[in-house]
PDB file of all heavy atoms in Angstrom:
ATOM      1  N   SER A   1       9.874 -14.599   6.593  1.00  0.00           N
ATOM      2  CA  SER A   1      10.291 -16.007   6.663  1.00  0.00           C
ATOM      3  C   SER A   1      11.078 -16.416   5.424  1.00  0.00           C
ATOM      4  O   SER A   1      11.908 -17.331   5.473  1.00  0.00           O
ATOM      5  CB  SER A   1       9.066 -16.912   6.817  1.00  0.00           C
ATOM      6  OG  SER A   1       8.442 -16.687   8.060  1.00  0.00           O
ATOM      7  N   ALA A   2      10.805 -15.748   4.311  1.00  0.00           N
ATOM      8  CA  ALA A   2      11.527 -16.043   3.068  1.00  0.00           C
ATOM      9  C   ALA A   2      12.808 -15.228   2.949  1.00  0.00           C
ATOM     10  O   ALA A   2      13.535 -15.371   1.956  1.00  0.00           O
ATOM     11  CB  ALA A   2      10.628 -15.776   1.871  1.00  0.00           C
ATOM     12  N   GLY A   3      13.075 -14.369   3.947  1.00  0.00           N
ATOM     13  CA  GLY A   3      14.313 -13.592   3.934  1.00  0.00           C
ATOM     14  C   GLY A   3      14.166 -12.175   3.439  1.00  0.00           C
ATOM     15  O   GLY A   3      15.174 -11.506   3.161  1.00  0.00           O
ATOM     16  N   ILE A   4      12.931 -11.684   3.330  1.00  0.00           N
ATOM     17  CA  ILE A   4      12.694 -10.321   2.845  1.00  0.00           C
ATOM     18  C   ILE A   4      12.295  -9.444   4.032  1.00  0.00           C
ATOM     19  O   ILE A   4      11.298  -9.703   4.706  1.00  0.00           O
ATOM     20  CB  ILE A   4      11.590 -10.289   1.771  1.00  0.00           C
ATOM     21  CG1 ILE A   4      11.986 -11.164   0.580  1.00  0.00           C
ATOM     22  CG2 ILE A   4      11.308  -8.859   1.326  1.00  0.00           C
ATOM     23  CD1 ILE A   4      10.882 -11.346  -0.451  1.00  0.00           C
ATOM     24  N   GLU A   5      13.046  -8.404   4.290  1.00  0.00           N
ATOM     25  CA  GLU A   5      12.726  -7.470   5.362  1.00  0.00           C
ATOM     26  C   GLU A   5      11.584  -6.568   4.912  1.00  0.00           C
ATOM     27  O   GLU A   5      11.499  -6.210   3.728  1.00  0.00           O
ATOM     28  CB  GLU A   5      13.964  -6.630   5.703  1.00  0.00           C
ATOM     29  CG  GLU A   5      13.842  -5.851   6.995  1.00  0.00           C
ATOM     30  CD  GLU A   5      15.141  -5.127   7.362  1.00  0.00           C
ATOM     31  OE1 GLU A   5      16.153  -5.315   6.645  1.00  0.00           O
ATOM     32  OE2 GLU A   5      15.131  -4.387   8.357  1.00  0.00           O
ATOM     33  N   THR A   6      10.708  -6.209   5.835  1.00  0.00           N
ATOM     34  CA  THR A   6       9.541  -5.399   5.453  1.00  0.00           C
ATOM     35  C   THR A   6       9.360  -4.228   6.406  1.00  0.00           C
ATOM     36  O   THR A   6       9.758  -4.251   7.562  1.00  0.00           O
ATOM     37  CB  THR A   6       8.246  -6.232   5.459  1.00  0.00           C
ATOM     38  OG1 THR A   6       7.995  -6.707   6.777  1.00  0.00           O
ATOM     39  CG2 THR A   6       8.327  -7.389   4.486  1.00  0.00           C
ATOM     40  N   GLU A   7       8.695  -3.209   5.871  1.00  0.00           N
ATOM     41  CA  GLU A   7       8.198  -2.073   6.648  1.00  0.00           C
ATOM     42  C   GLU A   7       6.715  -1.932   6.327  1.00  0.00           C
ATOM     43  O   GLU A   7       6.353  -1.818   5.153  1.00  0.00           O
ATOM     44  CB  GLU A   7       8.940  -0.785   6.287  1.00  0.00           C
ATOM     45  CG  GLU A   7       8.405   0.462   6.985  1.00  0.00           C
ATOM     46  CD  GLU A   7       9.018   1.755   6.471  1.00  0.00           C
ATOM     47  OE1 GLU A   7       9.992   1.683   5.698  1.00  0.00           O
ATOM     48  OE2 GLU A   7       8.502   2.830   6.825  1.00  0.00           O
ATOM     49  N   GLU A   8       5.869  -1.982   7.350  1.00  0.00           N
ATOM     50  CA  GLU A   8       4.425  -1.935   7.109  1.00  0.00           C
ATOM     51  C   GLU A   8       3.860  -0.569   7.489  1.00  0.00           C
ATOM     52  O   GLU A   8       4.269   0.023   8.492  1.00  0.00           O
ATOM     53  CB  GLU A   8       3.691  -3.005   7.923  1.00  0.00           C
ATOM     54  CG  GLU A   8       4.212  -4.412   7.714  1.00  0.00           C
ATOM     55  CD  GLU A   8       5.290  -4.778   8.700  1.00  0.00           C
ATOM     56  OE1 GLU A   8       5.175  -4.428   9.886  1.00  0.00           O
ATOM     57  OE2 GLU A   8       6.271  -5.400   8.280  1.00  0.00           O
ATOM     58  N   ALA A   9       2.903  -0.086   6.689  1.00  0.00           N
ATOM     59  CA  ALA A   9       2.197   1.160   6.994  1.00  0.00           C
ATOM     60  C   ALA A   9       0.720   0.937   6.735  1.00  0.00           C
ATOM     61  O   ALA A   9       0.327   0.588   5.624  1.00  0.00           O
ATOM     62  CB  ALA A   9       2.731   2.307   6.145  1.00  0.00           C
ATOM     63  N   CYS A  10      -0.102   1.134   7.767  1.00  0.00           N
ATOM     64  CA  CYS A  10      -1.548   0.930   7.671  1.00  0.00           C
ATOM     65  C   CYS A  10      -2.233   2.182   8.187  1.00  0.00           C
ATOM     66  O   CYS A  10      -1.999   2.604   9.326  1.00  0.00           O
ATOM     67  CB  CYS A  10      -1.951  -0.293   8.499  1.00  0.00           C
ATOM     68  SG  CYS A  10      -3.688  -0.733   8.377  1.00  0.00           S
ATOM     69  N   MET A  11      -3.077   2.788   7.384  1.00  0.00           N
ATOM     70  CA  MET A  11      -3.701   4.063   7.752  1.00  0.00           C
ATOM     71  C   MET A  11      -5.041   4.202   7.045  1.00  0.00           C
ATOM     72  O   MET A  11      -5.432   3.346   6.247  1.00  0.00           O
ATOM     73  CB  MET A  11      -2.785   5.222   7.373  1.00  0.00           C
ATOM     74  CG  MET A  11      -2.490   5.310   5.881  1.00  0.00           C
ATOM     75  SD  MET A  11      -1.054   6.345   5.489  1.00  0.00           S
ATOM     76  CE  MET A  11       0.287   5.264   6.024  1.00  0.00           C
ATOM     77  N   GLU A  12      -5.761   5.286   7.353  1.00  0.00           N
ATOM     78  CA  GLU A  12      -7.027   5.539   6.668  1.00  0.00           C
ATOM     79  C   GLU A  12      -6.761   5.741   5.173  1.00  0.00           C
ATOM     80  O   GLU A  12      -5.726   6.272   4.767  1.00  0.00           O
ATOM     81  CB  GLU A  12      -7.728   6.757   7.258  1.00  0.00           C
ATOM     82  CG  GLU A  12      -8.247   6.538   8.670  1.00  0.00           C
ATOM     83  CD  GLU A  12      -9.034   7.724   9.195  1.00  0.00           C
ATOM     84  OE1 GLU A  12      -9.092   8.761   8.491  1.00  0.00           O
ATOM     85  OE2 GLU A  12      -9.583   7.616  10.303  1.00  0.00           O
ATOM     86  N   TYR A  13      -7.729   5.340   4.379  1.00  0.00           N
ATOM     87  CA  TYR A  13      -7.579   5.368   2.922  1.00  0.00           C
ATOM     88  C   TYR A  13      -7.190   6.762   2.422  1.00  0.00           C
ATOM     89  O   TYR A  13      -6.320   6.908   1.557  1.00  0.00           O
ATOM     90  CB  TYR A  13      -8.884   4.915   2.274  1.00  0.00           C
ATOM     91  CG  TYR A  13      -8.842   4.815   0.778  1.00  0.00           C
ATOM     92  CD1 TYR A  13      -8.278   3.705   0.165  1.00  0.00           C
ATOM     93  CD2 TYR A  13      -9.370   5.816  -0.025  1.00  0.00           C
ATOM     94  CE1 TYR A  13      -8.226   3.601  -1.217  1.00  0.00           C
ATOM     95  CE2 TYR A  13      -9.319   5.728  -1.401  1.00  0.00           C
ATOM     96  CZ  TYR A  13      -8.751   4.623  -2.004  1.00  0.00           C
ATOM     97  OH  TYR A  13      -8.698   4.533  -3.363  1.00  0.00           O
ATOM     98  N   SER A  14      -7.817   7.801   2.991  1.00  0.00           N
ATOM     99  CA  SER A  14      -7.574   9.163   2.528  1.00  0.00           C
ATOM    100  C   SER A  14      -6.132   9.613   2.770  1.00  0.00           C
ATOM    101  O   SER A  14      -5.620  10.488   2.072  1.00  0.00           O
ATOM    102  CB  SER A  14      -8.535  10.141   3.207  1.00  0.00           C
ATOM    103  OG  SER A  14      -8.391  10.071   4.619  1.00  0.00           O
ATOM    104  N   ALA A  15      -5.468   9.006   3.761  1.00  0.00           N
ATOM    105  CA  ALA A  15      -4.102   9.410   4.093  1.00  0.00           C
ATOM    106  C   ALA A  15      -3.061   8.773   3.179  1.00  0.00           C
ATOM    107  O   ALA A  15      -1.883   9.164   3.200  1.00  0.00           O
ATOM    108  CB  ALA A  15      -3.796   9.052   5.548  1.00  0.00           C
ATOM    109  N   LEU A  16      -3.455   7.808   2.368  1.00  0.00           N
ATOM    110  CA  LEU A  16      -2.506   7.103   1.510  1.00  0.00           C
ATOM    111  C   LEU A  16      -2.095   7.904   0.277  1.00  0.00           C
ATOM    112  O   LEU A  16      -1.016   7.701  -0.270  1.00  0.00           O
ATOM    113  CB  LEU A  16      -3.105   5.777   1.041  1.00  0.00           C
ATOM    114  CG  LEU A  16      -3.172   4.630   2.044  1.00  0.00           C
ATOM    115  CD1 LEU A  16      -3.954   3.474   1.448  1.00  0.00           C
ATOM    116  CD2 LEU A  16      -1.774   4.177   2.434  1.00  0.00           C
ATOM    117  N   ALA A  17      -2.962   8.814  -0.163  1.00  0.00           N
ATOM    118  CA  ALA A  17      -2.755   9.490  -1.447  1.00  0.00           C
ATOM    119  C   ALA A  17      -1.378  10.138  -1.583  1.00  0.00           C
ATOM    120  O   ALA A  17      -0.691   9.925  -2.596  1.00  0.00           O
ATOM    121  CB  ALA A  17      -3.869  10.514  -1.679  1.00  0.00           C
ATOM    122  N   PRO A  18      -0.915  10.946  -0.606  1.00  0.00           N
ATOM    123  CA  PRO A  18       0.399  11.578  -0.797  1.00  0.00           C
ATOM    124  C   PRO A  18       1.549  10.585  -0.850  1.00  0.00           C
ATOM    125  O   PRO A  18       2.528  10.786  -1.578  1.00  0.00           O
ATOM    126  CB  PRO A  18       0.522  12.522   0.413  1.00  0.00           C
ATOM    127  CG  PRO A  18      -0.471  12.031   1.418  1.00  0.00           C
ATOM    128  CD  PRO A  18      -1.569  11.438   0.624  1.00  0.00           C
ATOM    129  N   ILE A  19       1.441   9.477  -0.101  1.00  0.00           N
ATOM    130  CA  ILE A  19       2.502   8.462  -0.114  1.00  0.00           C
ATOM    131  C   ILE A  19       2.542   7.772  -1.475  1.00  0.00           C
ATOM    132  O   ILE A  19       3.611   7.558  -2.055  1.00  0.00           O
ATOM    133  CB  ILE A  19       2.270   7.430   1.003  1.00  0.00           C
ATOM    134  CG1 ILE A  19       2.266   8.108   2.372  1.00  0.00           C
ATOM    135  CG2 ILE A  19       3.345   6.344   0.966  1.00  0.00           C
ATOM    136  CD1 ILE A  19       1.918   7.190   3.511  1.00  0.00           C
ATOM    137  N   MET A  20       1.355   7.433  -1.983  1.00  0.00           N
ATOM    138  CA  MET A  20       1.292   6.787  -3.293  1.00  0.00           C
ATOM    139  C   MET A  20       1.820   7.723  -4.377  1.00  0.00           C
ATOM    140  O   MET A  20       2.548   7.308  -5.277  1.00  0.00           O
ATOM    141  CB  MET A  20      -0.151   6.382  -3.604  1.00  0.00           C
ATOM    142  CG  MET A  20      -0.755   5.381  -2.636  1.00  0.00           C
ATOM    143  SD  MET A  20       0.020   3.751  -2.727  1.00  0.00           S
ATOM    144  CE  MET A  20      -0.531   3.222  -4.353  1.00  0.00           C
ATOM    145  N   LYS A  21       1.465   8.986  -4.272  1.00  0.00           N
ATOM    146  CA  LYS A  21       1.892   9.965  -5.278  1.00  0.00           C
ATOM    147  C   LYS A  21       3.407  10.132  -5.278  1.00  0.00           C
ATOM    148  O   LYS A  21       4.041  10.244  -6.335  1.00  0.00           O
ATOM    149  CB  LYS A  21       1.218  11.309  -5.019  1.00  0.00           C
ATOM    150  CG  LYS A  21       1.527  12.369  -6.066  1.00  0.00           C
ATOM    151  CD  LYS A  21       0.779  13.658  -5.777  1.00  0.00           C
ATOM    152  CE  LYS A  21       1.086  14.722  -6.831  1.00  0.00           C
ATOM    153  NZ  LYS A  21       0.367  15.993  -6.545  1.00  0.00           N
ATOM    154  N   ASP A  22       4.012  10.126  -4.089  1.00  0.00           N
ATOM    155  CA  ASP A  22       5.465  10.293  -3.987  1.00  0.00           C
ATOM    156  C   ASP A  22       6.221   9.031  -4.390  1.00  0.00           C
ATOM    157  O   ASP A  22       7.440   9.067  -4.564  1.00  0.00           O
ATOM    158  CB  ASP A  22       5.854  10.672  -2.551  1.00  0.00           C
ATOM    159  CG  ASP A  22       5.390  12.075  -2.173  1.00  0.00           C
ATOM    160  OD1 ASP A  22       5.079  12.847  -3.094  1.00  0.00           O
ATOM    161  OD2 ASP A  22       5.334  12.373  -0.968  1.00  0.00           O
ATOM    162  N   GLY A  23       5.519   7.910  -4.513  1.00  0.00           N
ATOM    163  CA  GLY A  23       6.172   6.667  -4.909  1.00  0.00           C
ATOM    164  C   GLY A  23       6.939   5.992  -3.798  1.00  0.00           C
ATOM    165  O   GLY A  23       7.758   5.089  -4.059  1.00  0.00           O
ATOM    166  N   ASP A  24       6.672   6.396  -2.546  1.00  0.00           N
ATOM    167  CA  ASP A  24       7.408   5.849  -1.410  1.00  0.00           C
ATOM    168  C   ASP A  24       6.759   4.556  -0.926  1.00  0.00           C
ATOM    169  O   ASP A  24       6.256   4.458   0.193  1.00  0.00           O
ATOM    170  CB  ASP A  24       7.458   6.891  -0.279  1.00  0.00           C
ATOM    171  CG  ASP A  24       8.289   6.425   0.908  1.00  0.00           C
ATOM    172  OD1 ASP A  24       9.145   5.545   0.709  1.00  0.00           O
ATOM    173  OD2 ASP A  24       8.078   6.941   2.029  1.00  0.00           O
ATOM    174  N   TRP A  25       6.750   3.551  -1.795  1.00  0.00           N
ATOM    175  CA  TRP A  25       6.153   2.258  -1.464  1.00  0.00           C
ATOM    176  C   TRP A  25       6.648   1.216  -2.458  1.00  0.00           C
ATOM    177  O   TRP A  25       7.081   1.553  -3.566  1.00  0.00           O
ATOM    178  CB  TRP A  25       4.621   2.337  -1.507  1.00  0.00           C
ATOM    179  CG  TRP A  25       4.079   2.734  -2.866  1.00  0.00           C
ATOM    180  CD1 TRP A  25       4.014   4.002  -3.386  1.00  0.00           C
ATOM    181  CD2 TRP A  25       3.569   1.862  -3.884  1.00  0.00           C
ATOM    182  NE1 TRP A  25       3.482   3.971  -4.668  1.00  0.00           N
ATOM    183  CE2 TRP A  25       3.202   2.677  -4.991  1.00  0.00           C
ATOM    184  CE3 TRP A  25       3.379   0.479  -3.967  1.00  0.00           C
ATOM    185  CZ2 TRP A  25       2.662   2.141  -6.157  1.00  0.00           C
ATOM    186  CZ3 TRP A  25       2.838  -0.054  -5.141  1.00  0.00           C
ATOM    187  CH2 TRP A  25       2.482   0.775  -6.209  1.00  0.00           C
ATOM    188  N   ASP A  26       6.584  -0.031  -2.040  1.00  0.00           N
ATOM    189  CA  ASP A  26       6.944  -1.141  -2.925  1.00  0.00           C
ATOM    190  C   ASP A  26       5.745  -2.020  -3.261  1.00  0.00           C
ATOM    191  O   ASP A  26       5.593  -2.474  -4.394  1.00  0.00           O
ATOM    192  CB  ASP A  26       8.025  -2.002  -2.271  1.00  0.00           C
ATOM    193  CG  ASP A  26       9.318  -1.236  -2.061  1.00  0.00           C
ATOM    194  OD1 ASP A  26       9.966  -0.900  -3.062  1.00  0.00           O
ATOM    195  OD2 ASP A  26       9.663  -0.968  -0.895  1.00  0.00           O
ATOM    196  N   LEU A  27       4.883  -2.270  -2.260  1.00  0.00           N
ATOM    197  CA  LEU A  27       3.700  -3.102  -2.435  1.00  0.00           C
ATOM    198  C   LEU A  27       2.504  -2.399  -1.812  1.00  0.00           C
ATOM    199  O   LEU A  27       2.616  -1.842  -0.708  1.00  0.00           O
ATOM    200  CB  LEU A  27       3.904  -4.464  -1.768  1.00  0.00           C
ATOM    201  CG  LEU A  27       5.040  -5.345  -2.299  1.00  0.00           C
ATOM    202  CD1 LEU A  27       5.277  -6.523  -1.357  1.00  0.00           C
ATOM    203  CD2 LEU A  27       4.735  -5.841  -3.706  1.00  0.00           C
ATOM    204  N   TYR A  28       1.394  -2.433  -2.505  1.00  0.00           N
ATOM    205  CA  TYR A  28       0.171  -1.786  -2.011  1.00  0.00           C
ATOM    206  C   TYR A  28      -0.932  -2.837  -1.952  1.00  0.00           C
ATOM    207  O   TYR A  28      -1.376  -3.348  -2.977  1.00  0.00           O
ATOM    208  CB  TYR A  28      -0.211  -0.642  -2.945  1.00  0.00           C
ATOM    209  CG  TYR A  28      -1.538   0.022  -2.651  1.00  0.00           C
ATOM    210  CD1 TYR A  28      -1.977   0.244  -1.350  1.00  0.00           C
ATOM    211  CD2 TYR A  28      -2.364   0.451  -3.695  1.00  0.00           C
ATOM    212  CE1 TYR A  28      -3.189   0.863  -1.086  1.00  0.00           C
ATOM    213  CE2 TYR A  28      -3.577   1.072  -3.455  1.00  0.00           C
ATOM    214  CZ  TYR A  28      -3.984   1.280  -2.151  1.00  0.00           C
ATOM    215  OH  TYR A  28      -5.190   1.885  -1.902  1.00  0.00           O
ATOM    216  N   LEU A  29      -1.355  -3.167  -0.737  1.00  0.00           N
ATOM    217  CA  LEU A  29      -2.395  -4.169  -0.523  1.00  0.00           C
ATOM    218  C   LEU A  29      -3.760  -3.492  -0.569  1.00  0.00           C
ATOM    219  O   LEU A  29      -4.051  -2.590   0.218  1.00  0.00           O
ATOM    220  CB  LEU A  29      -2.187  -4.846   0.830  1.00  0.00           C
ATOM    221  CG  LEU A  29      -3.211  -5.897   1.259  1.00  0.00           C
ATOM    222  CD1 LEU A  29      -3.237  -7.065   0.279  1.00  0.00           C
ATOM    223  CD2 LEU A  29      -2.915  -6.385   2.677  1.00  0.00           C
ATOM    224  N   ILE A  30      -4.595  -3.952  -1.480  1.00  0.00           N
ATOM    225  CA  ILE A  30      -5.890  -3.302  -1.728  1.00  0.00           C
ATOM    226  C   ILE A  30      -6.950  -4.364  -1.989  1.00  0.00           C
ATOM    227  O   ILE A  30      -6.642  -5.466  -2.463  1.00  0.00           O
ATOM    228  CB  ILE A  30      -5.773  -2.329  -2.932  1.00  0.00           C
ATOM    229  CG1 ILE A  30      -7.089  -1.587  -3.196  1.00  0.00           C
ATOM    230  CG2 ILE A  30      -5.289  -3.058  -4.176  1.00  0.00           C
ATOM    231  CD1 ILE A  30      -6.982  -0.515  -4.273  1.00  0.00           C
ATOM    232  N   ALA A  31      -8.199  -4.042  -1.666  1.00  0.00           N
ATOM    233  CA  ALA A  31      -9.342  -4.882  -2.027  1.00  0.00           C
ATOM    234  C   ALA A  31     -10.044  -4.195  -3.194  1.00  0.00           C
ATOM    235  O   ALA A  31     -10.763  -3.223  -3.003  1.00  0.00           O
ATOM    236  CB  ALA A  31     -10.285  -5.056  -0.843  1.00  0.00           C
ATOM    237  N   ALA A  32      -9.803  -4.678  -4.405  1.00  0.00           N
ATOM    238  CA  ALA A  32     -10.221  -3.977  -5.616  1.00  0.00           C
ATOM    239  C   ALA A  32     -11.455  -4.617  -6.239  1.00  0.00           C
ATOM    240  O   ALA A  32     -11.545  -5.845  -6.342  1.00  0.00           O
ATOM    241  CB  ALA A  32      -9.088  -3.966  -6.631  1.00  0.00           C
ATOM    242  N   ASN A  33     -12.372  -3.766  -6.692  1.00  0.00           N
ATOM    243  CA  ASN A  33     -13.605  -4.247  -7.311  1.00  0.00           C
ATOM    244  C   ASN A  33     -13.342  -4.785  -8.707  1.00  0.00           C
ATOM    245  O   ASN A  33     -12.509  -4.268  -9.447  1.00  0.00           O
ATOM    246  CB  ASN A  33     -14.634  -3.124  -7.365  1.00  0.00           C
ATOM    247  CG  ASN A  33     -16.003  -3.632  -7.740  1.00  0.00           C
ATOM    248  OD1 ASN A  33     -16.304  -3.845  -8.902  1.00  0.00           O
ATOM    249  ND2 ASN A  33     -16.840  -3.857  -6.741  1.00  0.00           N
ATOM    250  N   LEU A  34     -14.098  -5.825  -9.083  1.00  0.00           N
ATOM    251  CA  LEU A  34     -13.894  -6.500 -10.359  1.00  0.00           C
ATOM    252  C   LEU A  34     -15.042  -6.336 -11.349  1.00  0.00           C
ATOM    253  O   LEU A  34     -14.911  -6.770 -12.492  1.00  0.00           O
ATOM    254  CB  LEU A  34     -13.688  -8.009 -10.116  1.00  0.00           C
ATOM    255  CG  LEU A  34     -12.478  -8.415  -9.297  1.00  0.00           C
ATOM    256  CD1 LEU A  34     -12.522  -9.911  -9.006  1.00  0.00           C
ATOM    257  CD2 LEU A  34     -11.191  -8.049 -10.020  1.00  0.00           C
ATOM    258  N   ALA A  35     -16.163  -5.766 -10.930  1.00  0.00           N
ATOM    259  CA  ALA A  35     -17.334  -5.863 -11.815  1.00  0.00           C
ATOM    260  C   ALA A  35     -18.248  -4.650 -11.767  1.00  0.00           C
ATOM    261  O   ALA A  35     -19.459  -4.797 -11.861  1.00  0.00           O
ATOM    262  CB  ALA A  35     -18.136  -7.120 -11.473  1.00  0.00           C
ATOM    263  N   MET A  36     -17.680  -3.451 -11.609  1.00  0.00           N
ATOM    264  CA  MET A  36     -18.538  -2.277 -11.771  1.00  0.00           C
ATOM    265  C   MET A  36     -19.157  -2.302 -13.172  1.00  0.00           C
ATOM    266  O   MET A  36     -20.283  -1.878 -13.382  1.00  0.00           O
ATOM    267  CB  MET A  36     -17.741  -0.992 -11.568  1.00  0.00           C
ATOM    268  CG  MET A  36     -17.184  -0.811 -10.168  1.00  0.00           C
ATOM    269  SD  MET A  36     -18.436  -0.724  -8.866  1.00  0.00           S
ATOM    270  CE  MET A  36     -19.041   0.939  -9.047  1.00  0.00           C
TER     271      MET A  36
END
């Protein structure tokens, strides 16, 4: 709506590692712990 085109990828957590490692992403949506 703001004029930014997107490509979405949603998969099991274990399958994300190679994509993250290769840097083939712009934004990573995560639910991160704050108080271990």
